[in-house]
Amino acid sequence: MHIDQDYVVKDDQVLIVDDFTGRIMPGRRYSDGLHQAIEAKEHVKVKQESRTLATITFQNFFNKFEKKGGMTGTALTEEQEFRDIYGMDVVTIPTNVPVQRVDLDDAVFKTKKEKYHAVVEAVREAHERKQPVLVGTITIDVSEHVSKLLKREGIPHTVLNAKFHEMEAEIVAHAGEAGAVTIATNMAGRGTDIKLDEVAKEAGGLKIIGTERHESRRIDNQLRGRSGRQGDPGESRFYISLEDDLMRLFGSERLIATFEALGVPENEQIEHRMLSSAIEKAQKKIESNNFGIRKNLLEFDRVNNDQREVIYEERRRVLDGENMRDVVFQMMDAVVDRKVDMCLGEDADPEDTPENLQELNRVLIPIIPVRPLTPESVHGMSRNKIKQALKEEAGKLYEAKEAEFQDIEKMRELERVVLLKVIDARWMNQIDDMEQLRQGIGLAAYGQQDPKVEYRMIGFDMFDEMTGNIQEETLRIMYHVRIEQKIEREEQAKPMTTNKEEEGPKKPIQRKKAKVYPNDPCPCGSGKKYKNCHGRPGSAPL
């Protein structure tokens, strides 16, 4: 993760930058501790790790809509994906007026240094002719590097990237003026027309300079499309070096070998249709890889989607204020069935297996506080009869719990609140567990098993386990909930003070009656000495 490429640091915060739009995504944070790692790396305050409350792929989200449609100038390159994923057709609409923009072949250089030198020269030449220039970069880092080079040459310009997004409207408004030079990331002027003045039109219209090819042809087409709007003149060209990531990773070795064999002098460019087509092939290869990744992700998410539909339907019932009493009783039946089946064999006589009854008591009573089962209490009962008896007792216990509430509607509201909290907590854990499973399921291929099939099977088992946990936790809370009694204290005649300074110094205790010594006559009138009468140990007090 690179600063000013994947993220920016602003106001003591790490803010994510969208790779395709070049815009900051406020409120978005990386998960699994990645955001905290970046915060530590950049020496900003490390915030608490966020937990995923809900997750859905864009594909499944958009497919939830019954009708889908839209307009964009760059859909044609993704036509296959629109058909396969969304079942949508892509139709090309002719332009309002013919496009006059000239799209020149790519200028290819050996090194990045030579490429940036050529970019600066092209900007200088256009600026001297009063032709407006838009220099497109992939990252914030490159936009700032080009800005430094233009400053060194004394060429006035403005920079538009995620760091200065507040000034976007003003910068774009002036980008079409004669002699204007604008350096921008992918965010420049998306969805708006850059207006040209008359001098700019006569100078050839807006000149687009791309400093690097993007992984997606669609993004390159968007950059080109900033120029030549509504029949305006314009031109575009991309400047590429063999050191660019796209060429280094996906360009053919034969192409690079040919470049080396020609012995091209420094700062000299090569223009050839073969080079442009080779670059497009590299882009198609990346797009195909990315499409494969998205399609694979969608197939995995279909399992999550099935689970999501079930959970959200249950949540919706709770949020809509439905009566959940029947749901609680269904949970009760399911838990009793599951625990009895787990502890008691189908054919075994419960009287012969007291250990099994003890195990059943151990797992069931903490959830539903029924009376402990003993061999005597289940004498002559089949497994189904035991289930029936437990369900009846559980129902009576729940009705007794309801009777504790004077307002029965409060009990219904409590059921909804408890159910919602338990579902949300368990669903968050399920999301994390499914993500962990997806990351490691690829290893199933080494065992000659289809990872997607294994993911589906294990995922459904995990979902069943989660559903059981939701049932048990909900019942445990509902059976053990207590109504809080409000104790109202009687007001004291004299308020008690708690501040020792207010109480003042303690006074000595004063004796109300005269002290009686051992040899004095006893005050009772017996005529005996006090020590021999009421002063003896164990005698009754006066």
Protein backbone atom coordinates (compact mmCIF):
# COMPACT_ATOMS: atom_id res chain seq x y z
CA MET A 1 0.00 0.00 0.00
CA HIS A 2 1.55 3.29 -1.14
CA ILE A 3 0.87 6.79 0.15
CA ASP A 4 -0.60 9.20 -2.44
CA GLN A 5 -1.52 6.21 -4.57
CA ASP A 6 -3.77 3.90 -2.53
CA TYR A 7 -4.43 6.40 0.27
CA VAL A 8 -3.67 9.93 1.48
CA VAL A 9 -2.98 11.27 4.96
CA LYS A 10 -5.08 14.30 5.85
CA ASP A 11 -6.09 15.81 9.22
CA ASP A 12 -4.34 12.97 11.10
CA GLN A 13 -6.41 10.38 9.21
CA VAL A 14 -5.68 7.75 6.57
CA LEU A 15 -8.21 8.25 3.74
CA ILE A 16 -8.66 5.67 0.97
CA VAL A 17 -8.39 6.78 -2.66
CA ASP A 18 -10.54 5.02 -5.27
CA ASP A 19 -8.22 3.49 -7.88
CA PHE A 20 -10.65 4.10 -10.75
CA THR A 21 -12.12 7.53 -9.96
CA GLY A 22 -9.16 9.04 -8.12
CA ARG A 23 -11.51 10.38 -5.46
CA ILE A 24 -11.29 10.08 -1.66
CA MET A 25 -13.80 7.64 -0.16
CA PRO A 26 -14.75 9.20 3.21
CA GLY A 27 -15.86 6.82 5.94
CA ARG A 28 -14.35 3.77 4.22
CA ARG A 29 -11.76 1.75 6.14
CA TYR A 30 -9.79 -1.37 5.27
CA SER A 31 -10.70 -4.43 7.32
CA ASP A 32 -8.69 -7.25 8.94
CA GLY A 33 -6.29 -4.80 10.64
CA LEU A 34 -4.90 -3.40 7.36
CA HIS A 35 -6.11 0.14 8.08
CA GLN A 36 -4.52 0.02 11.55
CA ALA A 37 -1.24 -1.15 10.03
CA ILE A 38 -1.24 1.81 7.61
CA GLU A 39 -2.08 4.22 10.47
CA ALA A 40 0.89 2.87 12.44
CA LYS A 41 3.11 3.15 9.37
CA GLU A 42 2.14 6.81 8.82
CA HIS A 43 2.40 7.68 12.55
CA VAL A 44 -1.21 8.86 12.90
CA LYS A 45 -3.62 7.87 15.67
CA VAL A 46 -4.42 4.15 15.38
CA LYS A 47 -8.17 3.75 15.68
CA GLN A 48 -10.06 0.69 16.85
CA GLU A 49 -10.49 -2.05 14.26
CA SER A 50 -13.90 -1.92 12.63
CA ARG A 51 -16.11 -4.99 12.29
CA THR A 52 -18.10 -5.85 9.21
CA LEU A 53 -21.83 -5.57 9.99
CA ALA A 54 -22.96 -6.48 6.48
CA THR A 55 -21.35 -7.33 3.17
CA ILE A 56 -22.55 -7.70 -0.42
CA THR A 57 -20.84 -7.63 -3.80
CA PHE A 58 -21.80 -4.85 -6.23
CA GLN A 59 -23.01 -7.52 -8.65
CA ASN A 60 -25.50 -9.03 -6.18
CA PHE A 61 -26.52 -5.58 -4.98
CA PHE A 62 -27.35 -4.34 -8.49
CA ASN A 63 -29.10 -7.60 -9.36
CA LYS A 64 -31.55 -6.98 -6.51
CA PHE A 65 -33.16 -4.29 -8.67
CA GLU A 66 -35.90 -5.49 -10.99
CA LYS A 67 -34.95 -2.93 -13.65
CA LYS A 68 -31.43 -1.79 -14.48
CA GLY A 69 -30.29 0.74 -17.05
CA GLY A 70 -27.86 3.55 -17.55
CA MET A 71 -25.78 5.62 -19.93
CA THR A 72 -22.01 5.87 -20.14
CA GLY A 73 -19.53 6.62 -22.85
CA THR A 74 -17.30 3.65 -21.96
CA ALA A 75 -19.62 0.62 -21.67
CA LEU A 76 -18.60 -1.04 -24.94
CA THR A 77 -15.28 -2.35 -23.62
CA GLU A 78 -17.19 -4.14 -20.79
CA GLU A 79 -20.02 -5.48 -22.99
CA GLN A 80 -19.31 -9.13 -22.19
CA GLU A 81 -19.46 -8.50 -18.43
CA PHE A 82 -22.76 -6.62 -18.72
CA ARG A 83 -24.23 -9.60 -20.56
CA ASP A 84 -22.82 -12.38 -18.35
CA ILE A 85 -23.34 -10.83 -14.91
CA TYR A 86 -26.33 -8.52 -15.31
CA GLY A 87 -28.10 -9.91 -18.40
CA MET A 88 -27.99 -6.45 -20.01
CA ASP A 89 -27.44 -5.41 -23.62
CA VAL A 90 -25.03 -2.65 -24.60
CA VAL A 91 -26.24 -0.41 -27.42
CA THR A 92 -24.02 2.25 -29.02
CA ILE A 93 -25.77 5.56 -29.66
CA PRO A 94 -24.26 7.79 -32.40
CA THR A 95 -22.79 11.10 -31.26
CA ASN A 96 -24.85 14.28 -31.61
CA VAL A 97 -22.21 15.81 -33.91
CA PRO A 98 -19.18 14.09 -35.50
CA VAL A 99 -16.14 13.74 -33.23
CA GLN A 100 -13.25 15.92 -34.45
CA ARG A 101 -10.75 14.80 -31.82
CA VAL A 102 -7.57 13.22 -33.22
CA ASP A 103 -6.38 10.18 -31.23
CA LEU A 104 -2.66 9.82 -31.97
CA ASP A 105 -0.69 6.59 -31.61
CA ASP A 106 1.09 6.05 -28.30
CA ALA A 107 4.56 7.51 -27.92
CA VAL A 108 6.80 4.81 -26.42
CA PHE A 109 10.11 5.47 -24.64
CA LYS A 110 12.70 3.26 -23.06
CA THR A 111 12.72 4.77 -19.54
CA LYS A 112 10.35 6.77 -17.35
CA LYS A 113 12.81 9.66 -17.24
CA GLU A 114 12.69 9.98 -21.04
CA LYS A 115 8.91 9.70 -21.00
CA TYR A 116 8.45 12.54 -18.48
CA HIS A 117 10.94 14.68 -20.43
CA ALA A 118 8.79 14.21 -23.55
CA VAL A 119 5.60 15.03 -21.59
CA VAL A 120 7.11 18.33 -20.35
CA GLU A 121 8.23 19.25 -23.89
CA ALA A 122 4.76 18.49 -25.31
CA VAL A 123 3.15 20.65 -22.60
CA ARG A 124 5.61 23.53 -23.25
CA GLU A 125 4.94 23.42 -27.01
CA ALA A 126 1.14 23.45 -26.55
CA HIS A 127 1.31 26.18 -23.88
CA GLU A 128 3.30 28.44 -26.21
CA ARG A 129 0.57 27.98 -28.86
CA LYS A 130 -2.08 28.92 -26.26
CA GLN A 131 -3.56 25.40 -26.55
CA PRO A 132 -5.10 24.18 -23.26
CA VAL A 133 -3.57 20.94 -21.93
CA LEU A 134 -4.93 18.29 -19.58
CA VAL A 135 -2.22 15.94 -18.28
CA GLY A 136 -3.80 12.73 -16.95
CA THR A 137 -2.00 10.62 -14.32
CA ILE A 138 -2.94 7.34 -12.63
CA THR A 139 -1.75 8.23 -9.11
CA ILE A 140 -1.50 11.34 -6.93
CA ASP A 141 2.23 10.69 -6.61
CA VAL A 142 2.80 10.94 -10.39
CA SER A 143 0.63 14.09 -10.62
CA GLU A 144 2.86 15.78 -8.04
CA HIS A 145 6.03 14.55 -9.80
CA VAL A 146 4.89 16.04 -13.14
CA SER A 147 3.97 19.26 -11.30
CA LYS A 148 7.54 19.53 -9.98
CA LEU A 149 8.96 19.08 -13.48
CA LEU A 150 6.69 21.82 -14.90
CA LYS A 151 7.58 24.18 -12.03
CA ARG A 152 11.25 23.62 -12.82
CA GLU A 153 10.57 24.72 -16.40
CA GLY A 154 8.50 27.72 -15.27
CA ILE A 155 5.24 26.53 -16.86
CA PRO A 156 2.20 27.78 -14.87
CA HIS A 157 -0.34 25.05 -14.12
CA THR A 158 -2.91 23.76 -11.65
CA VAL A 159 -3.07 20.32 -9.97
CA LEU A 160 -6.31 18.43 -9.40
CA ASN A 161 -6.19 15.29 -7.29
CA ALA A 162 -7.84 13.82 -4.21
CA LYS A 163 -5.86 16.21 -1.99
CA PHE A 164 -7.49 19.25 -3.62
CA HIS A 165 -10.90 17.82 -4.48
CA GLU A 166 -12.67 20.84 -2.90
CA MET A 167 -11.31 23.00 -5.76
CA GLU A 168 -12.42 20.59 -8.50
CA ALA A 169 -15.29 22.68 -9.92
CA GLU A 170 -13.16 25.85 -10.14
CA ILE A 171 -10.16 24.05 -11.69
CA VAL A 172 -12.30 22.25 -14.31
CA ALA A 173 -14.13 25.52 -15.14
CA HIS A 174 -10.81 27.12 -16.20
CA ALA A 175 -9.19 24.03 -17.77
CA GLY A 176 -10.43 24.91 -21.29
CA GLU A 177 -9.12 28.47 -21.34
CA ALA A 178 -6.35 29.41 -23.76
CA GLY A 179 -2.91 28.40 -22.45
CA ALA A 180 -4.30 26.61 -19.34
CA VAL A 181 -2.32 23.59 -18.12
CA THR A 182 -4.08 21.17 -15.74
CA ILE A 183 -2.52 18.08 -14.16
CA ALA A 184 -5.15 15.67 -12.88
CA THR A 185 -5.81 12.13 -11.72
CA ASN A 186 -8.77 10.10 -13.03
CA MET A 187 -11.20 12.38 -11.20
CA ALA A 188 -10.78 15.26 -13.67
CA GLY A 189 -14.01 16.51 -15.16
CA ARG A 190 -15.90 13.21 -14.99
CA GLY A 191 -19.45 13.81 -16.17
CA THR A 192 -18.84 17.46 -17.09
CA ASP A 193 -17.82 19.26 -20.27
CA ILE A 194 -14.60 21.29 -20.22
CA LYS A 195 -15.67 24.50 -22.02
CA LEU A 196 -13.26 25.97 -24.57
CA ASP A 197 -12.92 29.66 -25.39
CA GLU A 198 -12.46 30.88 -28.99
CA VAL A 199 -8.66 31.23 -28.74
CA ALA A 200 -8.40 27.66 -27.41
CA LYS A 201 -10.55 26.31 -30.28
CA GLU A 202 -8.37 28.05 -32.88
CA ALA A 203 -5.23 26.65 -31.20
CA GLY A 204 -6.51 23.07 -31.75
CA GLY A 205 -8.81 22.49 -28.78
CA LEU A 206 -8.05 20.63 -25.57
CA LYS A 207 -4.88 18.50 -25.76
CA ILE A 208 -4.98 15.32 -23.66
CA ILE A 209 -1.67 13.86 -22.49
CA GLY A 210 -1.78 10.52 -20.70
CA THR A 211 1.36 9.78 -18.68
CA GLU A 212 0.62 6.05 -18.45
CA ARG A 213 -1.86 3.47 -19.68
CA HIS A 214 -4.36 2.31 -17.05
CA GLU A 215 -5.07 -1.37 -16.48
CA SER A 216 -8.56 -0.74 -17.88
CA ARG A 217 -9.12 0.60 -21.41
CA ARG A 218 -12.33 2.14 -20.09
CA ILE A 219 -10.39 4.58 -17.87
CA ASP A 220 -8.13 5.55 -20.79
CA ASN A 221 -11.20 6.18 -22.94
CA GLN A 222 -12.65 8.38 -20.20
CA LEU A 223 -9.48 10.47 -20.18
CA ARG A 224 -9.54 10.80 -23.97
CA GLY A 225 -13.23 11.72 -23.77
CA ARG A 226 -12.46 14.92 -21.81
CA SER A 227 -11.53 16.39 -25.20
CA GLY A 228 -13.57 16.70 -28.40
CA ARG A 229 -16.94 17.15 -26.68
CA GLN A 230 -19.92 18.30 -28.76
CA GLY A 231 -17.88 18.57 -31.94
CA ASP A 232 -15.04 20.63 -30.40
CA PRO A 233 -11.54 20.14 -31.86
CA GLY A 234 -8.95 18.30 -29.77
CA GLU A 235 -6.24 15.67 -29.69
CA SER A 236 -5.02 12.94 -27.35
CA ARG A 237 -1.86 10.91 -26.92
CA PHE A 238 -0.48 8.54 -24.32
CA TYR A 239 3.19 8.56 -23.35
CA ILE A 240 4.51 5.17 -22.25
CA SER A 241 7.84 3.73 -21.13
CA LEU A 242 9.02 0.13 -20.95
CA GLU A 243 9.43 0.68 -17.18
CA ASP A 244 5.70 1.24 -16.65
CA ASP A 245 3.99 -1.49 -14.62
CA LEU A 246 1.66 -2.37 -17.49
CA MET A 247 4.50 -2.95 -19.95
CA ARG A 248 6.82 -4.54 -17.40
CA LEU A 249 4.28 -7.11 -16.22
CA PHE A 250 2.13 -7.73 -19.29
CA GLY A 251 3.99 -6.44 -22.34
CA SER A 252 5.39 -9.16 -24.58
CA GLU A 253 9.09 -9.94 -24.28
CA ARG A 254 9.39 -9.91 -28.08
CA LEU A 255 8.21 -6.28 -28.14
CA ILE A 256 10.83 -5.26 -25.58
CA ALA A 257 13.54 -7.23 -27.44
CA THR A 258 12.62 -5.46 -30.68
CA PHE A 259 12.91 -2.10 -28.95
CA GLU A 260 16.37 -3.04 -27.65
CA ALA A 261 17.51 -4.29 -31.10
CA LEU A 262 16.62 -1.01 -32.81
CA GLY A 263 19.12 0.87 -30.61
CA VAL A 264 16.91 3.92 -30.18
CA PRO A 265 18.82 7.04 -28.99
CA GLU A 266 17.92 8.65 -25.67
CA ASN A 267 14.77 10.83 -25.58
CA GLU A 268 13.63 9.52 -28.95
CA GLN A 269 10.18 8.04 -29.22
CA ILE A 270 8.86 5.20 -31.32
CA GLU A 271 5.41 5.36 -32.87
CA HIS A 272 3.97 2.28 -34.48
CA ARG A 273 0.56 0.67 -34.69
CA MET A 274 2.16 -2.61 -33.60
CA LEU A 275 3.16 -0.97 -30.31
CA SER A 276 -0.32 0.44 -29.70
CA SER A 277 -1.96 -2.91 -30.50
CA ALA A 278 0.51 -4.73 -28.20
CA ILE A 279 -0.42 -2.33 -25.39
CA GLU A 280 -4.14 -2.90 -26.02
CA LYS A 281 -3.55 -6.66 -25.89
CA ALA A 282 -1.82 -6.25 -22.52
CA GLN A 283 -4.81 -4.23 -21.28
CA LYS A 284 -7.26 -6.86 -22.56
CA LYS A 285 -5.26 -9.52 -20.76
CA ILE A 286 -5.52 -7.60 -17.46
CA GLU A 287 -9.23 -6.86 -18.02
CA SER A 288 -9.83 -10.55 -18.67
CA ASN A 289 -7.98 -11.44 -15.45
CA ASN A 290 -9.95 -8.86 -13.47
CA PHE A 291 -13.23 -10.05 -14.98
CA GLY A 292 -12.32 -13.62 -14.00
CA ILE A 293 -11.61 -12.47 -10.44
CA ARG A 294 -14.95 -10.63 -10.22
CA LYS A 295 -16.85 -13.58 -11.69
CA ASN A 296 -15.16 -15.98 -9.27
CA LEU A 297 -16.00 -13.65 -6.37
CA LEU A 298 -19.63 -13.55 -7.52
CA GLU A 299 -19.88 -17.35 -7.59
CA PHE A 300 -18.55 -17.53 -4.03
CA ASP A 301 -20.89 -14.72 -2.96
CA ARG A 302 -23.92 -16.63 -4.24
CA VAL A 303 -23.54 -18.91 -1.20
CA ASN A 304 -23.37 -15.84 1.06
CA ASN A 305 -26.33 -14.35 -0.81
CA ASP A 306 -28.57 -17.34 0.01
CA GLN A 307 -27.66 -16.98 3.70
CA ARG A 308 -28.07 -13.19 3.54
CA GLU A 309 -31.62 -13.51 2.18
CA VAL A 310 -32.67 -15.78 5.08
CA ILE A 311 -31.12 -13.58 7.78
CA TYR A 312 -32.41 -10.30 6.34
CA GLU A 313 -35.92 -11.69 5.96
CA GLU A 314 -35.92 -12.61 9.66
CA ARG A 315 -34.53 -9.18 10.62
CA ARG A 316 -37.15 -7.47 8.48
CA ARG A 317 -39.94 -9.26 10.38
CA VAL A 318 -38.43 -8.07 13.67
CA LEU A 319 -37.98 -4.48 12.46
CA ASP A 320 -41.52 -4.37 11.10
CA GLY A 321 -42.78 -5.08 14.63
CA GLU A 322 -44.29 -8.51 13.98
CA ASN A 323 -45.32 -10.75 16.89
CA MET A 324 -42.34 -13.10 17.39
CA ARG A 325 -43.93 -15.36 20.03
CA ASP A 326 -44.54 -18.16 17.51
CA VAL A 327 -40.92 -17.88 16.35
CA VAL A 328 -39.71 -18.30 19.96
CA PHE A 329 -41.89 -21.42 20.37
CA GLN A 330 -40.52 -22.82 17.08
CA MET A 331 -37.02 -22.23 18.41
CA MET A 332 -38.02 -24.03 21.61
CA ASP A 333 -39.17 -27.11 19.66
CA ALA A 334 -36.06 -27.08 17.47
CA VAL A 335 -33.67 -26.87 20.44
CA VAL A 336 -35.46 -29.67 22.35
CA ASP A 337 -35.44 -31.92 19.25
CA ARG A 338 -31.76 -31.21 18.56
CA LYS A 339 -30.55 -31.79 22.13
CA VAL A 340 -32.59 -34.99 22.65
CA ASP A 341 -31.44 -36.41 19.29
CA MET A 342 -27.85 -35.57 20.19
CA CYS A 343 -27.91 -37.22 23.64
CA LEU A 344 -30.40 -40.10 23.34
CA GLY A 345 -30.06 -42.83 20.74
CA GLU A 346 -33.08 -43.79 18.65
CA ASP A 347 -33.28 -47.36 19.94
CA ALA A 348 -31.60 -47.07 23.35
CA ASP A 349 -33.87 -47.16 26.39
CA PRO A 350 -33.29 -43.96 28.42
CA GLU A 351 -33.65 -46.00 31.63
CA ASP A 352 -30.61 -48.07 30.64
CA THR A 353 -28.43 -45.03 29.90
CA PRO A 354 -28.43 -42.66 32.91
CA GLU A 355 -25.21 -41.09 31.56
CA ASN A 356 -27.11 -39.96 28.47
CA LEU A 357 -29.81 -38.38 30.63
CA GLN A 358 -27.14 -36.57 32.64
CA GLU A 359 -25.62 -35.27 29.39
CA LEU A 360 -29.06 -34.11 28.19
CA ASN A 361 -29.63 -32.27 31.48
CA ARG A 362 -26.20 -30.66 31.17
CA VAL A 363 -26.79 -29.26 27.67
CA LEU A 364 -30.51 -28.44 27.90
CA ILE A 365 -31.14 -27.00 31.38
CA PRO A 366 -28.80 -23.94 30.98
CA ILE A 367 -30.92 -22.97 27.95
CA ILE A 368 -34.41 -24.04 29.08
CA PRO A 369 -34.62 -24.47 32.89
CA VAL A 370 -36.75 -27.66 32.89
CA ARG A 371 -36.70 -30.16 35.77
CA PRO A 372 -33.74 -32.57 35.57
CA LEU A 373 -34.57 -35.87 33.87
CA THR A 374 -34.01 -39.10 35.84
CA PRO A 375 -34.45 -42.78 34.86
CA GLU A 376 -37.57 -42.83 37.07
CA SER A 377 -39.16 -39.76 35.47
CA VAL A 378 -38.77 -41.17 31.93
CA HIS A 379 -39.73 -44.75 32.83
CA GLY A 380 -41.47 -46.41 29.88
CA MET A 381 -41.21 -43.31 27.64
CA SER A 382 -39.93 -43.40 24.07
CA ARG A 383 -37.62 -40.71 22.71
CA ASN A 384 -40.52 -38.92 21.02
CA LYS A 385 -42.54 -38.99 24.25
CA ILE A 386 -39.61 -37.43 26.11
CA LYS A 387 -39.44 -34.69 23.47
CA GLN A 388 -43.16 -34.02 23.80
CA ALA A 389 -42.97 -33.85 27.62
CA LEU A 390 -40.01 -31.45 27.48
CA LYS A 391 -41.76 -29.19 24.94
CA GLU A 392 -44.90 -29.03 27.10
CA GLU A 393 -42.88 -28.15 30.20
CA ALA A 394 -40.85 -25.57 28.27
CA GLY A 395 -44.09 -23.98 27.02
CA LYS A 396 -45.51 -23.75 30.54
CA LEU A 397 -42.27 -22.21 31.83
CA TYR A 398 -42.42 -19.58 29.08
CA GLU A 399 -46.05 -18.79 29.86
CA ALA A 400 -45.06 -18.37 33.52
CA LYS A 401 -42.33 -15.95 32.41
CA GLU A 402 -44.91 -14.01 30.39
CA ALA A 403 -47.15 -13.80 33.50
CA GLU A 404 -44.35 -11.90 35.31
CA PHE A 405 -44.91 -9.02 32.89
CA GLN A 406 -47.92 -6.90 33.75
CA ASP A 407 -47.92 -5.46 30.22
CA ILE A 408 -47.73 -8.37 27.74
CA GLU A 409 -46.74 -5.98 24.93
CA LYS A 410 -43.48 -5.32 26.80
CA MET A 411 -42.74 -9.06 26.58
CA ARG A 412 -43.36 -8.96 22.81
CA GLU A 413 -41.04 -5.94 22.46
CA LEU A 414 -38.38 -7.70 24.56
CA GLU A 415 -38.56 -10.72 22.23
CA ARG A 416 -37.93 -8.46 19.21
CA VAL A 417 -35.01 -6.61 20.85
CA VAL A 418 -33.30 -9.81 22.04
CA LEU A 419 -33.80 -11.56 18.71
CA LEU A 420 -32.41 -8.59 16.76
CA LYS A 421 -29.30 -8.27 18.95
CA VAL A 422 -28.56 -12.00 18.86
CA ILE A 423 -29.05 -12.24 15.07
CA ASP A 424 -26.75 -9.24 14.44
CA ALA A 425 -24.00 -10.51 16.74
CA ARG A 426 -24.03 -14.02 15.26
CA TRP A 427 -24.28 -12.73 11.68
CA MET A 428 -21.17 -10.57 12.17
CA ASN A 429 -19.25 -13.65 13.30
CA GLN A 430 -20.60 -15.62 10.34
CA ILE A 431 -19.37 -12.95 7.88
CA ASP A 432 -15.85 -13.14 9.37
CA ASP A 433 -15.88 -16.96 9.39
CA MET A 434 -17.05 -17.18 5.76
CA GLU A 435 -14.31 -14.77 4.69
CA GLN A 436 -11.69 -16.89 6.46
CA LEU A 437 -13.12 -19.99 4.78
CA ARG A 438 -13.01 -18.36 1.33
CA GLN A 439 -9.37 -17.37 1.71
CA GLY A 440 -8.29 -20.94 2.46
CA ILE A 441 -10.73 -23.00 0.39
CA GLY A 442 -8.51 -22.85 -2.70
CA LEU A 443 -6.35 -25.54 -1.09
CA ALA A 444 -9.20 -28.01 -1.70
CA ALA A 445 -8.10 -28.13 -5.34
CA TYR A 446 -4.95 -30.01 -4.25
CA GLY A 447 -7.25 -32.78 -3.00
CA GLN A 448 -8.94 -33.06 -6.42
CA GLN A 449 -12.04 -31.26 -5.10
CA ASP A 450 -13.85 -28.26 -6.55
CA PRO A 451 -13.24 -25.31 -4.16
CA LYS A 452 -16.62 -23.75 -5.00
CA VAL A 453 -18.51 -26.96 -4.19
CA GLU A 454 -16.56 -27.40 -0.95
CA TYR A 455 -17.18 -23.75 -0.03
CA ARG A 456 -20.92 -24.20 -0.58
CA MET A 457 -21.12 -27.39 1.50
CA ILE A 458 -19.00 -26.12 4.41
CA GLY A 459 -20.78 -22.76 4.24
CA PHE A 460 -24.20 -24.36 4.64
CA ASP A 461 -22.97 -26.42 7.60
CA MET A 462 -21.64 -23.24 9.23
CA PHE A 463 -24.97 -21.50 8.57
CA ASP A 464 -26.90 -24.34 10.22
CA GLU A 465 -24.60 -24.10 13.24
CA MET A 466 -25.11 -20.32 13.39
CA THR A 467 -28.90 -20.76 13.22
CA GLY A 468 -28.75 -23.22 16.13
CA ASN A 469 -26.63 -20.78 18.15
CA ILE A 470 -29.14 -17.97 17.51
CA GLN A 471 -31.98 -20.19 18.77
CA GLU A 472 -30.13 -21.28 21.91
CA GLU A 473 -28.87 -17.81 22.85
CA THR A 474 -32.30 -16.22 22.32
CA LEU A 475 -34.01 -18.84 24.52
CA ARG A 476 -31.31 -18.61 27.20
CA ILE A 477 -31.85 -14.86 27.51
CA MET A 478 -35.66 -15.01 27.39
CA TYR A 479 -35.93 -17.74 30.05
CA HIS A 480 -33.51 -16.06 32.44
CA VAL A 481 -34.59 -12.44 32.03
CA ARG A 482 -35.66 -10.69 35.26
CA ILE A 483 -37.88 -7.65 35.73
CA GLU A 484 -35.99 -4.92 37.55
CA GLN A 485 -37.81 -3.83 40.71
CA LYS A 486 -37.69 -0.10 41.41
CA ILE A 487 -37.07 0.43 45.15
CA GLU A 488 -38.45 3.76 46.34
CA ARG A 489 -36.80 4.91 49.59
CA GLU A 490 -38.75 6.85 52.23
CA GLU A 491 -37.52 10.37 52.67
CA GLN A 492 -35.64 10.81 55.94
CA ALA A 493 -36.82 13.50 58.38
CA LYS A 494 -33.29 14.79 58.55
CA PRO A 495 -31.13 14.50 55.47
CA MET A 496 -27.96 12.50 55.97
CA THR A 497 -24.70 14.29 55.31
CA THR A 498 -21.91 12.59 53.50
CA ASN A 499 -19.36 15.37 53.70
CA LYS A 500 -17.29 14.98 56.85
CA GLU A 501 -16.31 18.65 56.81
CA GLU A 502 -20.00 19.62 57.09
CA GLU A 503 -20.48 17.36 60.14
CA GLY A 504 -17.92 19.21 62.21
CA PRO A 505 -15.83 17.73 65.11
CA LYS A 506 -17.41 14.89 67.10
CA LYS A 507 -18.56 15.79 70.67
CA PRO A 508 -17.72 13.51 73.67
CA ILE A 509 -20.46 11.10 74.77
CA GLN A 510 -22.12 12.36 77.98
CA ARG A 511 -23.47 9.86 80.58
CA LYS A 512 -27.12 10.53 81.44
CA LYS A 513 -27.05 8.61 84.81
CA ALA A 514 -24.39 8.69 87.56
CA LYS A 515 -21.86 5.89 87.31
CA VAL A 516 -22.36 3.02 89.84
CA TYR A 517 -19.12 1.60 91.28
CA PRO A 518 -18.76 -2.09 92.40
CA ASN A 519 -18.88 -1.35 96.16
CA ASP A 520 -21.80 1.14 95.93
CA PRO A 521 -25.28 0.04 97.07
CA CYS A 522 -27.21 -1.52 94.16
CA PRO A 523 -29.76 0.98 92.70
CA CYS A 524 -32.45 -1.76 92.73
CA GLY A 525 -32.93 -1.25 96.52
CA SER A 526 -31.92 -4.79 97.58
CA GLY A 527 -29.40 -3.46 100.15
CA LYS A 528 -26.59 -5.49 98.58
CA LYS A 529 -23.44 -4.09 97.00
CA TYR A 530 -23.71 -3.52 93.26
CA LYS A 531 -20.97 -6.11 92.54
CA ASN A 532 -22.96 -8.78 94.40
CA CYS A 533 -26.30 -7.90 92.82
CA HIS A 534 -26.93 -6.51 89.30
CA GLY A 535 -23.20 -5.93 88.77
CA ARG A 536 -22.43 -9.68 88.64
CA PRO A 537 -21.46 -11.18 85.27
CA GLY A 538 -24.54 -12.70 83.58
CA SER A 539 -27.08 -10.88 85.74
CA ALA A 540 -30.10 -9.13 84.20
CA PRO A 541 -29.58 -5.45 83.36
CA LEU A 542 -31.30 -2.77 85.43
